[in-house]
Amino acid sequence: MRKIILLLILAACQNDSDPCTYFQGRAMTMPYRITVGKKLSAIEKKKVWQIIEKTFQEVDDHFNNWNPNSEISRLNQLEANKPASLSPSLQELLAFCGKIVEISGGRFDPTIGKLEKIWRESLREKRAPSAEELQLATDAVGWKHVALKNGQFQKDNPDISIDLCAISKGRCIDWIVERLQKEGFNDLFVEWAGEIRASGEYPEKRDWTVQVDPGLTMDGKPMAPIALRNAAIATSGDYSQGGWTLPADAAPDHQIHRYFHIIDPLTAQPLEKTNYSIAAAVVIAPTCWLADALATAAMLFPGREEAEKWAEEVVELYPEVSFWILSYTVPK
């Protein structure tokens, strides 16, 4: 097991009148900020820090695709039709992924790892993937190629590569909240890389408040602050994690293409920013891993109307879920 390095900063310049205690830093290159809704003693601060450290370490050990020694990385190197035992943590996460794959009609599909790698490498070289590269990658996409049974994992294609980036941050946040709650810390606001879960209330006996990126608008108007209590919020969009430009002379259709980081498993293409594409999806759900996965899935519809129709179906399954689908062009 590798020991991840966490940067922890207890807000040293915190105002004495501030009723909260803050923990912030970076884990796996991404910033986090954890707010406990009361003043903590030195012993309590140590306990909170231990929970934070243990949880990030567990996520790195089991879910981190960028850790070559993680459990998911080992599964990605597995031979075809060779079973491997799963840790309870990864077994739970993969089973949940399977549910979201089904709910989303295959739009959310963690088996895009190889396809994502080919596109990323090609676009960095300012070229489109070859037909042969795309065929090899698409042959390795699809949850149908994965089997989960009796605590074991198996895949029928050695090139199957699972990418958990669209759900692992949410699971980590849920763990931090749930583990802190077990220790008696009930008023919490946990944020990591833009995903958030709130528990209880702010010390002034009000809900926690989330301000969605002011650059995101709903029908041309900035989104109002969102009150959050015992719920999570996740946002997916074309504004985050940068993107790539494919020059016209490198594109098969001789047009400039501006792609962003989300890969569509149904078309084998990265999403492209257009006048009619979805700009962002904001989801509130009881848990952060559910909000995280649903926000990603919503981005993968061709337009806002299709995404909103699907969102209505999801709300029938999960009545506590709310969606905001943002697009550049308002549907008529």
C-alpha atoms as a PDB file:
ATOM      1  CA  MET A   1       0.000   0.000   0.000  1.00  0.00           C
ATOM      2  CA  ARG A   2       1.338   3.414  -0.886  1.00  0.00           C
ATOM      3  CA  LYS A   3       0.890   6.187   1.642  1.00  0.00           C
ATOM      4  CA  ILE A   4      -0.827   9.152   0.048  1.00  0.00           C
ATOM      5  CA  ILE A   5       0.318  12.601   1.054  1.00  0.00           C
ATOM      6  CA  LEU A   6      -2.496  14.781   2.333  1.00  0.00           C
ATOM      7  CA  LEU A   7      -2.109  18.494   2.807  1.00  0.00           C
ATOM      8  CA  LEU A   8      -4.166  19.436   5.839  1.00  0.00           C
ATOM      9  CA  ILE A   9      -4.664  23.005   6.937  1.00  0.00           C
ATOM     10  CA  LEU A  10      -6.619  23.775  10.078  1.00  0.00           C
ATOM     11  CA  ALA A  11      -7.742  27.334   9.429  1.00  0.00           C
ATOM     12  CA  ALA A  12      -5.114  29.110  11.509  1.00  0.00           C
ATOM     13  CA  CYS A  13      -6.449  32.542  10.715  1.00  0.00           C
ATOM     14  CA  GLN A  14     -10.016  31.605  11.669  1.00  0.00           C
ATOM     15  CA  ASN A  15     -11.925  34.389  13.406  1.00  0.00           C
ATOM     16  CA  ASP A  16     -12.507  33.650  17.106  1.00  0.00           C
ATOM     17  CA  SER A  17     -16.172  34.503  16.642  1.00  0.00           C
ATOM     18  CA  ASP A  18     -16.579  31.915  13.871  1.00  0.00           C
ATOM     19  CA  PRO A  19     -18.706  29.075  15.298  1.00  0.00           C
ATOM     20  CA  CYS A  20     -17.282  26.425  12.932  1.00  0.00           C
ATOM     21  CA  THR A  21     -14.047  24.456  12.617  1.00  0.00           C
ATOM     22  CA  TYR A  22     -12.473  24.001   9.178  1.00  0.00           C
ATOM     23  CA  PHE A  23     -10.198  21.361   7.680  1.00  0.00           C
ATOM     24  CA  GLN A  24      -8.884  21.988   4.191  1.00  0.00           C
ATOM     25  CA  GLY A  25      -6.134  20.908   1.852  1.00  0.00           C
ATOM     26  CA  ARG A  26      -5.601  18.633  -1.149  1.00  0.00           C
ATOM     27  CA  ALA A  27      -6.027  14.902  -1.632  1.00  0.00           C
ATOM     28  CA  MET A  28      -5.057  13.105  -4.853  1.00  0.00           C
ATOM     29  CA  THR A  29      -4.301  16.548  -6.393  1.00  0.00           C
ATOM     30  CA  MET A  30      -7.847  17.865  -5.732  1.00  0.00           C
ATOM     31  CA  PRO A  31      -8.832  20.434  -3.079  1.00  0.00           C
ATOM     32  CA  TYR A  32     -11.117  19.578  -0.191  1.00  0.00           C
ATOM     33  CA  ARG A  33     -12.758  21.623   2.550  1.00  0.00           C
ATOM     34  CA  ILE A  34     -14.571  20.096   5.498  1.00  0.00           C
ATOM     35  CA  THR A  35     -16.592  22.228   7.888  1.00  0.00           C
ATOM     36  CA  VAL A  36     -17.760  21.000  11.282  1.00  0.00           C
ATOM     37  CA  GLY A  37     -20.543  23.179  12.624  1.00  0.00           C
ATOM     38  CA  LYS A  38     -19.059  23.819  16.060  1.00  0.00           C
ATOM     39  CA  LYS A  39     -15.826  24.690  17.823  1.00  0.00           C
ATOM     40  CA  LEU A  40     -13.731  21.576  18.380  1.00  0.00           C
ATOM     41  CA  SER A  41     -11.272  20.694  21.103  1.00  0.00           C
ATOM     42  CA  ALA A  42      -7.762  19.519  20.237  1.00  0.00           C
ATOM     43  CA  ILE A  43      -8.823  15.915  20.856  1.00  0.00           C
ATOM     44  CA  GLU A  44     -11.860  16.303  18.587  1.00  0.00           C
ATOM     45  CA  LYS A  45      -9.745  17.884  15.851  1.00  0.00           C
ATOM     46  CA  LYS A  46      -7.360  14.935  15.988  1.00  0.00           C
ATOM     47  CA  LYS A  47     -10.257  12.485  15.695  1.00  0.00           C
ATOM     48  CA  VAL A  48     -11.697  14.322  12.684  1.00  0.00           C
ATOM     49  CA  TRP A  49      -8.305  14.420  11.007  1.00  0.00           C
ATOM     50  CA  GLN A  50      -7.831  10.665  11.538  1.00  0.00           C
ATOM     51  CA  ILE A  51     -11.171   9.973   9.837  1.00  0.00           C
ATOM     52  CA  ILE A  52     -10.300  12.253   6.919  1.00  0.00           C
ATOM     53  CA  GLU A  53      -6.875  10.668   6.465  1.00  0.00           C
ATOM     54  CA  LYS A  54      -8.172   7.093   6.715  1.00  0.00           C
ATOM     55  CA  THR A  55     -10.966   7.737   4.209  1.00  0.00           C
ATOM     56  CA  PHE A  56      -8.810   9.371   1.554  1.00  0.00           C
ATOM     57  CA  GLN A  57      -6.287   6.553   1.958  1.00  0.00           C
ATOM     58  CA  GLU A  58      -9.026   3.952   1.436  1.00  0.00           C
ATOM     59  CA  VAL A  59     -10.239   5.696  -1.719  1.00  0.00           C
ATOM     60  CA  ASP A  60      -6.694   5.831  -3.077  1.00  0.00           C
ATOM     61  CA  ASP A  61      -6.103   2.156  -2.264  1.00  0.00           C
ATOM     62  CA  HIS A  62      -9.297   0.882  -3.884  1.00  0.00           C
ATOM     63  CA  PHE A  63     -10.776   3.373  -6.383  1.00  0.00           C
ATOM     64  CA  ASN A  64      -7.987   5.570  -7.757  1.00  0.00           C
ATOM     65  CA  ASN A  65      -7.274   4.849 -11.439  1.00  0.00           C
ATOM     66  CA  TRP A  66      -4.151   7.020 -11.249  1.00  0.00           C
ATOM     67  CA  ASN A  67      -2.661   4.807  -8.539  1.00  0.00           C
ATOM     68  CA  PRO A  68      -1.039   1.868 -10.406  1.00  0.00           C
ATOM     69  CA  ASN A  69      -1.238  -0.266  -7.264  1.00  0.00           C
ATOM     70  CA  SER A  70      -4.891   0.391  -6.436  1.00  0.00           C
ATOM     71  CA  GLU A  71      -7.427  -2.402  -6.470  1.00  0.00           C
ATOM     72  CA  ILE A  72      -9.213  -0.990  -9.527  1.00  0.00           C
ATOM     73  CA  SER A  73      -5.899  -0.704 -11.407  1.00  0.00           C
ATOM     74  CA  ARG A  74      -5.185  -4.362 -10.673  1.00  0.00           C
ATOM     75  CA  LEU A  75      -8.616  -5.341 -12.007  1.00  0.00           C
ATOM     76  CA  ASN A  76      -7.932  -3.356 -15.168  1.00  0.00           C
ATOM     77  CA  GLN A  77      -4.792  -5.460 -15.732  1.00  0.00           C
ATOM     78  CA  LEU A  78      -6.668  -8.718 -15.184  1.00  0.00           C
ATOM     79  CA  GLU A  79      -6.739 -11.388 -17.883  1.00  0.00           C
ATOM     80  CA  ALA A  80     -10.027 -12.261 -19.577  1.00  0.00           C
ATOM     81  CA  ASN A  81     -12.283 -14.744 -17.774  1.00  0.00           C
ATOM     82  CA  LYS A  82     -10.012 -14.856 -14.735  1.00  0.00           C
ATOM     83  CA  PRO A  83     -11.976 -14.217 -11.517  1.00  0.00           C
ATOM     84  CA  ALA A  84     -10.620 -11.913  -8.826  1.00  0.00           C
ATOM     85  CA  SER A  85     -11.900 -11.411  -5.294  1.00  0.00           C
ATOM     86  CA  LEU A  86     -13.223  -7.952  -4.492  1.00  0.00           C
ATOM     87  CA  SER A  87     -12.878  -5.933  -1.328  1.00  0.00           C
ATOM     88  CA  PRO A  88     -16.257  -5.103   0.245  1.00  0.00           C
ATOM     89  CA  SER A  89     -15.706  -1.431  -0.652  1.00  0.00           C
ATOM     90  CA  LEU A  90     -15.122  -2.017  -4.355  1.00  0.00           C
ATOM     91  CA  GLN A  91     -17.795  -4.704  -4.570  1.00  0.00           C
ATOM     92  CA  GLU A  92     -20.345  -2.223  -3.215  1.00  0.00           C
ATOM     93  CA  LEU A  93     -19.221   0.533  -5.580  1.00  0.00           C
ATOM     94  CA  LEU A  94     -19.247  -1.655  -8.697  1.00  0.00           C
ATOM     95  CA  ALA A  95     -22.693  -3.031  -7.836  1.00  0.00           C
ATOM     96  CA  PHE A  96     -23.972   0.532  -7.525  1.00  0.00           C
ATOM     97  CA  CYS A  97     -22.350   1.416 -10.863  1.00  0.00           C
ATOM     98  CA  GLY A  98     -24.313  -1.411 -12.450  1.00  0.00           C
ATOM     99  CA  LYS A  99     -27.570   0.123 -11.213  1.00  0.00           C
ATOM    100  CA  ILE A 100     -26.707   3.526 -12.673  1.00  0.00           C
ATOM    101  CA  VAL A 101     -25.677   1.939 -15.985  1.00  0.00           C
ATOM    102  CA  GLU A 102     -29.150   0.394 -16.184  1.00  0.00           C
ATOM    103  CA  ILE A 103     -31.001   3.543 -15.104  1.00  0.00           C
ATOM    104  CA  SER A 104     -29.101   5.687 -17.608  1.00  0.00           C
ATOM    105  CA  GLY A 105     -29.538   3.324 -20.549  1.00  0.00           C
ATOM    106  CA  GLY A 106     -25.783   2.818 -20.728  1.00  0.00           C
ATOM    107  CA  ARG A 107     -24.889   6.506 -20.846  1.00  0.00           C
ATOM    108  CA  PHE A 108     -23.129   6.211 -17.513  1.00  0.00           C
ATOM    109  CA  ASP A 109     -20.654   3.384 -18.053  1.00  0.00           C
ATOM    110  CA  PRO A 110     -17.350   3.113 -16.158  1.00  0.00           C
ATOM    111  CA  THR A 111     -15.899   0.719 -18.771  1.00  0.00           C
ATOM    112  CA  ILE A 112     -14.882   3.709 -20.914  1.00  0.00           C
ATOM    113  CA  GLY A 113     -11.320   3.615 -19.563  1.00  0.00           C
ATOM    114  CA  LYS A 114      -9.591   2.429 -22.741  1.00  0.00           C
ATOM    115  CA  LEU A 115     -11.734   4.635 -24.988  1.00  0.00           C
ATOM    116  CA  GLU A 116     -11.000   7.647 -22.811  1.00  0.00           C
ATOM    117  CA  LYS A 117      -7.261   6.955 -22.893  1.00  0.00           C
ATOM    118  CA  ILE A 118      -7.172   6.688 -26.694  1.00  0.00           C
ATOM    119  CA  TRP A 119      -9.054   9.953 -27.172  1.00  0.00           C
ATOM    120  CA  ARG A 120      -6.974  11.770 -24.573  1.00  0.00           C
ATOM    121  CA  GLU A 121      -3.681  10.666 -26.105  1.00  0.00           C
ATOM    122  CA  SER A 122      -4.825  11.375 -29.672  1.00  0.00           C
ATOM    123  CA  LEU A 123      -6.166  14.845 -28.935  1.00  0.00           C
ATOM    124  CA  ARG A 124      -3.014  15.788 -27.076  1.00  0.00           C
ATOM    125  CA  GLU A 125      -1.225  14.974 -30.323  1.00  0.00           C
ATOM    126  CA  LYS A 126      -3.753  17.159 -32.221  1.00  0.00           C
ATOM    127  CA  ARG A 127      -5.153  14.237 -34.182  1.00  0.00           C
ATOM    128  CA  ALA A 128      -8.272  12.089 -34.271  1.00  0.00           C
ATOM    129  CA  PRO A 129      -7.977   8.417 -33.302  1.00  0.00           C
ATOM    130  CA  SER A 130      -7.715   6.033 -36.220  1.00  0.00           C
ATOM    131  CA  ALA A 131     -10.630   3.769 -37.107  1.00  0.00           C
ATOM    132  CA  GLU A 132      -8.615   0.788 -35.870  1.00  0.00           C
ATOM    133  CA  GLU A 133      -7.877   2.458 -32.530  1.00  0.00           C
ATOM    134  CA  LEU A 134     -11.534   3.333 -32.036  1.00  0.00           C
ATOM    135  CA  GLN A 135     -12.684  -0.181 -32.918  1.00  0.00           C
ATOM    136  CA  LEU A 136     -10.321  -1.759 -30.399  1.00  0.00           C
ATOM    137  CA  ALA A 137     -11.475   0.683 -27.744  1.00  0.00           C
ATOM    138  CA  THR A 138     -15.205   0.325 -28.401  1.00  0.00           C
ATOM    139  CA  ASP A 139     -14.884  -3.463 -28.288  1.00  0.00           C
ATOM    140  CA  ALA A 140     -13.788  -2.954 -24.679  1.00  0.00           C
ATOM    141  CA  VAL A 141     -16.745  -0.759 -23.687  1.00  0.00           C
ATOM    142  CA  GLY A 142     -19.944  -2.073 -22.141  1.00  0.00           C
ATOM    143  CA  TRP A 143     -21.056  -3.198 -18.696  1.00  0.00           C
ATOM    144  CA  LYS A 144     -22.215  -6.464 -20.286  1.00  0.00           C
ATOM    145  CA  HIS A 145     -18.541  -7.478 -20.429  1.00  0.00           C
ATOM    146  CA  VAL A 146     -18.315  -7.383 -16.614  1.00  0.00           C
ATOM    147  CA  ALA A 147     -19.582 -10.029 -14.185  1.00  0.00           C
ATOM    148  CA  LEU A 148     -20.010  -9.550 -10.429  1.00  0.00           C
ATOM    149  CA  LYS A 149     -20.950 -12.633  -8.452  1.00  0.00           C
ATOM    150  CA  ASN A 150     -20.299 -13.930  -4.950  1.00  0.00           C
ATOM    151  CA  GLY A 151     -17.799 -11.203  -4.182  1.00  0.00           C
ATOM    152  CA  GLN A 152     -15.783 -11.815  -7.341  1.00  0.00           C
ATOM    153  CA  PHE A 153     -15.106  -9.799 -10.482  1.00  0.00           C
ATOM    154  CA  GLN A 154     -14.595 -11.144 -13.982  1.00  0.00           C
ATOM    155  CA  LYS A 155     -14.401  -9.608 -17.457  1.00  0.00           C
ATOM    156  CA  ASP A 156     -14.599 -11.272 -20.867  1.00  0.00           C
ATOM    157  CA  ASN A 157     -12.136  -8.916 -22.592  1.00  0.00           C
ATOM    158  CA  PRO A 158      -8.655  -8.199 -21.201  1.00  0.00           C
ATOM    159  CA  ASP A 159      -8.857  -4.622 -22.542  1.00  0.00           C
ATOM    160  CA  ILE A 160     -11.811  -3.730 -20.311  1.00  0.00           C
ATOM    161  CA  SER A 161     -10.666  -0.757 -18.233  1.00  0.00           C
ATOM    162  CA  ILE A 162     -12.927   0.665 -15.544  1.00  0.00           C
ATOM    163  CA  ASP A 163     -12.740   4.373 -14.737  1.00  0.00           C
ATOM    164  CA  LEU A 164     -14.387   5.327 -11.441  1.00  0.00           C
ATOM    165  CA  CYS A 165     -13.745   9.077 -11.638  1.00  0.00           C
ATOM    166  CA  ALA A 166     -17.442   9.869 -12.147  1.00  0.00           C
ATOM    167  CA  ILE A 167     -18.472   8.283  -8.855  1.00  0.00           C
ATOM    168  CA  SER A 168     -15.497   7.762  -6.537  1.00  0.00           C
ATOM    169  CA  LYS A 169     -15.368  11.376  -5.297  1.00  0.00           C
ATOM    170  CA  GLY A 170     -19.009  11.147  -4.307  1.00  0.00           C
ATOM    171  CA  ARG A 171     -18.434   7.870  -2.473  1.00  0.00           C
ATOM    172  CA  CYS A 172     -15.500   9.356  -0.599  1.00  0.00           C
ATOM    173  CA  ILE A 173     -17.583  12.321   0.544  1.00  0.00           C
ATOM    174  CA  ASP A 174     -20.375  10.003   1.710  1.00  0.00           C
ATOM    175  CA  TRP A 175     -17.888   7.969   3.733  1.00  0.00           C
ATOM    176  CA  ILE A 176     -16.433  11.060   5.403  1.00  0.00           C
ATOM    177  CA  VAL A 177     -19.894  12.321   6.371  1.00  0.00           C
ATOM    178  CA  GLU A 178     -21.127   8.934   7.587  1.00  0.00           C
ATOM    179  CA  ARG A 179     -17.969   8.208   9.582  1.00  0.00           C
ATOM    180  CA  LEU A 180     -17.976  11.611  11.236  1.00  0.00           C
ATOM    181  CA  GLN A 181     -21.653  11.177  12.100  1.00  0.00           C
ATOM    182  CA  LYS A 182     -20.850   7.893  13.858  1.00  0.00           C
ATOM    183  CA  GLU A 183     -18.404   9.820  16.050  1.00  0.00           C
ATOM    184  CA  GLY A 184     -21.072  12.352  16.996  1.00  0.00           C
ATOM    185  CA  PHE A 185     -20.271  15.126  14.514  1.00  0.00           C
ATOM    186  CA  ASN A 186     -23.678  15.758  12.962  1.00  0.00           C
ATOM    187  CA  ASP A 187     -23.463  19.290  11.558  1.00  0.00           C
ATOM    188  CA  LEU A 188     -21.158  18.968   8.555  1.00  0.00           C
ATOM    189  CA  PHE A 189     -20.392  20.467   5.165  1.00  0.00           C
ATOM    190  CA  VAL A 190     -17.984  18.330   3.142  1.00  0.00           C
ATOM    191  CA  GLU A 191     -16.665  19.420  -0.252  1.00  0.00           C
ATOM    192  CA  TRP A 192     -14.077  17.708  -2.422  1.00  0.00           C
ATOM    193  CA  ALA A 193     -13.324  18.790  -5.999  1.00  0.00           C
ATOM    194  CA  GLY A 194     -16.668  20.551  -6.310  1.00  0.00           C
ATOM    195  CA  GLU A 195     -18.884  17.727  -5.012  1.00  0.00           C
ATOM    196  CA  ILE A 196     -20.684  18.483  -1.729  1.00  0.00           C
ATOM    197  CA  ARG A 197     -22.681  16.782   0.986  1.00  0.00           C
ATOM    198  CA  ALA A 198     -24.219  18.595   3.952  1.00  0.00           C
ATOM    199  CA  SER A 199     -25.474  17.139   7.209  1.00  0.00           C
ATOM    200  CA  GLY A 200     -27.482  18.841   9.911  1.00  0.00           C
ATOM    201  CA  GLU A 201     -27.411  22.614   9.956  1.00  0.00           C
ATOM    202  CA  TYR A 202     -25.203  25.666  10.254  1.00  0.00           C
ATOM    203  CA  PRO A 203     -24.746  26.858  13.876  1.00  0.00           C
ATOM    204  CA  GLU A 204     -27.199  29.732  13.326  1.00  0.00           C
ATOM    205  CA  LYS A 205     -29.938  27.094  12.993  1.00  0.00           C
ATOM    206  CA  ARG A 206     -30.224  27.492   9.245  1.00  0.00           C
ATOM    207  CA  ASP A 207     -29.523  25.281   6.271  1.00  0.00           C
ATOM    208  CA  TRP A 208     -26.098  25.145   4.727  1.00  0.00           C
ATOM    209  CA  THR A 209     -25.948  27.251   1.549  1.00  0.00           C
ATOM    210  CA  VAL A 210     -24.363  26.342  -1.778  1.00  0.00           C
ATOM    211  CA  GLN A 211     -23.622  28.898  -4.469  1.00  0.00           C
ATOM    212  CA  VAL A 212     -23.479  27.169  -7.837  1.00  0.00           C
ATOM    213  CA  ASP A 213     -20.800  28.498 -10.190  1.00  0.00           C
ATOM    214  CA  PRO A 214     -22.004  32.004 -11.181  1.00  0.00           C
ATOM    215  CA  GLY A 215     -20.984  31.261 -14.759  1.00  0.00           C
ATOM    216  CA  LEU A 216     -23.817  28.728 -14.979  1.00  0.00           C
ATOM    217  CA  THR A 217     -27.202  30.178 -15.851  1.00  0.00           C
ATOM    218  CA  MET A 218     -30.729  28.809 -16.004  1.00  0.00           C
ATOM    219  CA  ASP A 219     -32.616  30.250 -18.974  1.00  0.00           C
ATOM    220  CA  GLY A 220     -30.188  33.160 -19.066  1.00  0.00           C
ATOM    221  CA  LYS A 221     -30.340  33.913 -15.326  1.00  0.00           C
ATOM    222  CA  PRO A 222     -27.724  32.993 -12.686  1.00  0.00           C
ATOM    223  CA  MET A 223     -28.822  30.171 -10.419  1.00  0.00           C
ATOM    224  CA  ALA A 224     -29.895  31.298  -6.962  1.00  0.00           C
ATOM    225  CA  PRO A 225     -28.047  29.937  -3.910  1.00  0.00           C
ATOM    226  CA  ILE A 226     -29.279  26.475  -2.948  1.00  0.00           C
ATOM    227  CA  ALA A 227     -30.158  25.526   0.637  1.00  0.00           C
ATOM    228  CA  LEU A 228     -28.828  22.109   1.566  1.00  0.00           C
ATOM    229  CA  ARG A 229     -29.656  19.975   4.602  1.00  0.00           C
ATOM    230  CA  ASN A 230     -28.978  16.246   4.870  1.00  0.00           C
ATOM    231  CA  ALA A 231     -28.387  16.041   1.132  1.00  0.00           C
ATOM    232  CA  ALA A 232     -25.646  16.149  -1.491  1.00  0.00           C
ATOM    233  CA  ILE A 233     -25.117  18.195  -4.631  1.00  0.00           C
ATOM    234  CA  ALA A 234     -22.970  17.403  -7.656  1.00  0.00           C
ATOM    235  CA  THR A 235     -22.348  19.340 -10.847  1.00  0.00           C
ATOM    236  CA  SER A 236     -21.063  18.082 -14.173  1.00  0.00           C
ATOM    237  CA  GLY A 237     -20.404  20.351 -17.115  1.00  0.00           C
ATOM    238  CA  ASP A 238     -18.357  21.409 -20.095  1.00  0.00           C
ATOM    239  CA  TYR A 239     -16.639  24.141 -18.071  1.00  0.00           C
ATOM    240  CA  SER A 240     -14.587  21.876 -15.786  1.00  0.00           C
ATOM    241  CA  GLN A 241     -11.339  19.936 -16.260  1.00  0.00           C
ATOM    242  CA  GLY A 242     -10.432  21.782 -19.445  1.00  0.00           C
ATOM    243  CA  GLY A 243     -10.781  20.308 -22.916  1.00  0.00           C
ATOM    244  CA  TRP A 244      -9.160  19.762 -26.278  1.00  0.00           C
ATOM    245  CA  THR A 245      -9.325  21.398 -29.699  1.00  0.00           C
ATOM    246  CA  LEU A 246      -9.004  19.248 -32.805  1.00  0.00           C
ATOM    247  CA  PRO A 247      -7.747  21.428 -35.709  1.00  0.00           C
ATOM    248  CA  ALA A 248      -9.684  21.359 -38.968  1.00  0.00           C
ATOM    249  CA  ASP A 249      -6.764  19.850 -40.881  1.00  0.00           C
ATOM    250  CA  ALA A 250      -6.704  16.905 -38.443  1.00  0.00           C
ATOM    251  CA  ALA A 251     -10.451  16.232 -38.410  1.00  0.00           C
ATOM    252  CA  PRO A 252     -12.080  13.793 -40.863  1.00  0.00           C
ATOM    253  CA  ASP A 253     -14.766  16.395 -41.709  1.00  0.00           C
ATOM    254  CA  HIS A 254     -12.215  19.254 -41.927  1.00  0.00           C
ATOM    255  CA  GLN A 255     -14.042  21.208 -39.226  1.00  0.00           C
ATOM    256  CA  ILE A 256     -12.657  22.524 -35.931  1.00  0.00           C
ATOM    257  CA  HIS A 257     -13.944  20.493 -32.971  1.00  0.00           C
ATOM    258  CA  ARG A 258     -13.858  21.634 -29.345  1.00  0.00           C
ATOM    259  CA  TYR A 259     -14.226  18.653 -27.068  1.00  0.00           C
ATOM    260  CA  PHE A 260     -14.444  18.444 -23.304  1.00  0.00           C
ATOM    261  CA  HIS A 261     -13.553  15.728 -20.818  1.00  0.00           C
ATOM    262  CA  ILE A 262     -16.695  13.535 -20.817  1.00  0.00           C
ATOM    263  CA  ILE A 263     -16.712  10.518 -23.148  1.00  0.00           C
ATOM    264  CA  ASP A 264     -20.005   9.184 -24.513  1.00  0.00           C
ATOM    265  CA  PRO A 265     -19.890   5.370 -24.364  1.00  0.00           C
ATOM    266  CA  LEU A 266     -22.765   5.111 -26.864  1.00  0.00           C
ATOM    267  CA  THR A 267     -21.103   7.149 -29.625  1.00  0.00           C
ATOM    268  CA  ALA A 268     -17.457   6.500 -28.647  1.00  0.00           C
ATOM    269  CA  GLN A 269     -16.859  10.260 -28.929  1.00  0.00           C
ATOM    270  CA  PRO A 270     -15.958  12.942 -26.390  1.00  0.00           C
ATOM    271  CA  LEU A 271     -18.721  15.464 -25.844  1.00  0.00           C
ATOM    272  CA  GLU A 272     -18.499  18.607 -27.925  1.00  0.00           C
ATOM    273  CA  LYS A 273     -19.631  22.093 -27.005  1.00  0.00           C
ATOM    274  CA  THR A 274     -22.346  23.305 -29.401  1.00  0.00           C
ATOM    275  CA  ASN A 275     -25.168  25.847 -29.350  1.00  0.00           C
ATOM    276  CA  TYR A 276     -27.612  23.080 -28.442  1.00  0.00           C
ATOM    277  CA  SER A 277     -25.549  20.899 -26.125  1.00  0.00           C
ATOM    278  CA  ILE A 278     -26.035  20.653 -22.383  1.00  0.00           C
ATOM    279  CA  ALA A 279     -23.758  23.088 -20.575  1.00  0.00           C
ATOM    280  CA  ALA A 280     -24.113  21.562 -17.129  1.00  0.00           C
ATOM    281  CA  ALA A 281     -26.217  19.279 -14.978  1.00  0.00           C
ATOM    282  CA  VAL A 282     -26.768  19.978 -11.288  1.00  0.00           C
ATOM    283  CA  VAL A 283     -28.200  17.184  -9.141  1.00  0.00           C
ATOM    284  CA  ILE A 284     -29.313  17.108  -5.507  1.00  0.00           C
ATOM    285  CA  ALA A 285     -29.662  13.643  -3.979  1.00  0.00           C
ATOM    286  CA  PRO A 286     -29.605  11.991  -0.550  1.00  0.00           C
ATOM    287  CA  THR A 287     -26.061  10.727  -1.172  1.00  0.00           C
ATOM    288  CA  CYS A 288     -23.148  12.186  -3.069  1.00  0.00           C
ATOM    289  CA  TRP A 289     -22.290   9.076  -5.074  1.00  0.00           C
ATOM    290  CA  LEU A 290     -25.845   9.087  -6.464  1.00  0.00           C
ATOM    291  CA  ALA A 291     -25.705  12.820  -7.262  1.00  0.00           C
ATOM    292  CA  ASP A 292     -22.253  12.419  -8.825  1.00  0.00           C
ATOM    293  CA  ALA A 293     -23.264   9.576 -11.141  1.00  0.00           C
ATOM    294  CA  LEU A 294     -26.609  11.105 -12.168  1.00  0.00           C
ATOM    295  CA  ALA A 295     -25.006  14.456 -13.016  1.00  0.00           C
ATOM    296  CA  THR A 296     -22.543  12.725 -15.336  1.00  0.00           C
ATOM    297  CA  ALA A 297     -25.297  10.658 -16.967  1.00  0.00           C
ATOM    298  CA  ALA A 298     -27.454  13.737 -17.579  1.00  0.00           C
ATOM    299  CA  MET A 299     -24.640  15.378 -19.546  1.00  0.00           C
ATOM    300  CA  LEU A 300     -24.666  12.496 -22.026  1.00  0.00           C
ATOM    301  CA  PHE A 301     -28.040  13.239 -23.585  1.00  0.00           C
ATOM    302  CA  PRO A 302     -28.051  15.030 -26.961  1.00  0.00           C
ATOM    303  CA  GLY A 303     -30.016  17.995 -25.637  1.00  0.00           C
ATOM    304  CA  ARG A 304     -31.816  19.512 -22.697  1.00  0.00           C
ATOM    305  CA  GLU A 305     -35.272  18.226 -23.580  1.00  0.00           C
ATOM    306  CA  GLU A 306     -34.086  14.601 -23.709  1.00  0.00           C
ATOM    307  CA  ALA A 307     -32.164  15.013 -20.451  1.00  0.00           C
ATOM    308  CA  GLU A 308     -35.140  16.565 -18.668  1.00  0.00           C
ATOM    309  CA  LYS A 309     -37.430  13.756 -19.823  1.00  0.00           C
ATOM    310  CA  TRP A 310     -34.967  11.204 -18.437  1.00  0.00           C
ATOM    311  CA  ALA A 311     -34.645  13.214 -15.212  1.00  0.00           C
ATOM    312  CA  GLU A 312     -38.404  12.923 -14.694  1.00  0.00           C
ATOM    313  CA  GLU A 313     -38.106   9.143 -14.946  1.00  0.00           C
ATOM    314  CA  VAL A 314     -35.257   9.131 -12.416  1.00  0.00           C
ATOM    315  CA  VAL A 315     -37.286  11.206  -9.956  1.00  0.00           C
ATOM    316  CA  GLU A 316     -40.006   8.556 -10.081  1.00  0.00           C
ATOM    317  CA  LEU A 317     -37.404   6.051  -8.839  1.00  0.00           C
ATOM    318  CA  TYR A 318     -35.728   8.478  -6.425  1.00  0.00           C
ATOM    319  CA  PRO A 319     -38.310  11.079  -5.281  1.00  0.00           C
ATOM    320  CA  GLU A 320     -35.695  12.928  -3.187  1.00  0.00           C
ATOM    321  CA  VAL A 321     -33.605  13.729  -6.274  1.00  0.00           C
ATOM    322  CA  SER A 322     -33.760  17.128  -8.016  1.00  0.00           C
ATOM    323  CA  PHE A 323     -32.248  18.116 -11.372  1.00  0.00           C
ATOM    324  CA  TRP A 324     -31.279  21.375 -13.035  1.00  0.00           C
ATOM    325  CA  ILE A 325     -30.314  20.909 -16.685  1.00  0.00           C
ATOM    326  CA  LEU A 326     -28.569  23.949 -18.133  1.00  0.00           C
ATOM    327  CA  SER A 327     -28.110  24.545 -21.854  1.00  0.00           C
ATOM    328  CA  TYR A 328     -26.898  27.366 -24.067  1.00  0.00           C
ATOM    329  CA  THR A 329     -30.174  27.509 -25.985  1.00  0.00           C
ATOM    330  CA  VAL A 330     -33.499  27.611 -24.161  1.00  0.00           C
ATOM    331  CA  PRO A 331     -35.878  24.882 -25.470  1.00  0.00           C
ATOM    332  CA  LYS A 332     -38.980  26.249 -27.198  1.00  0.00           C
END
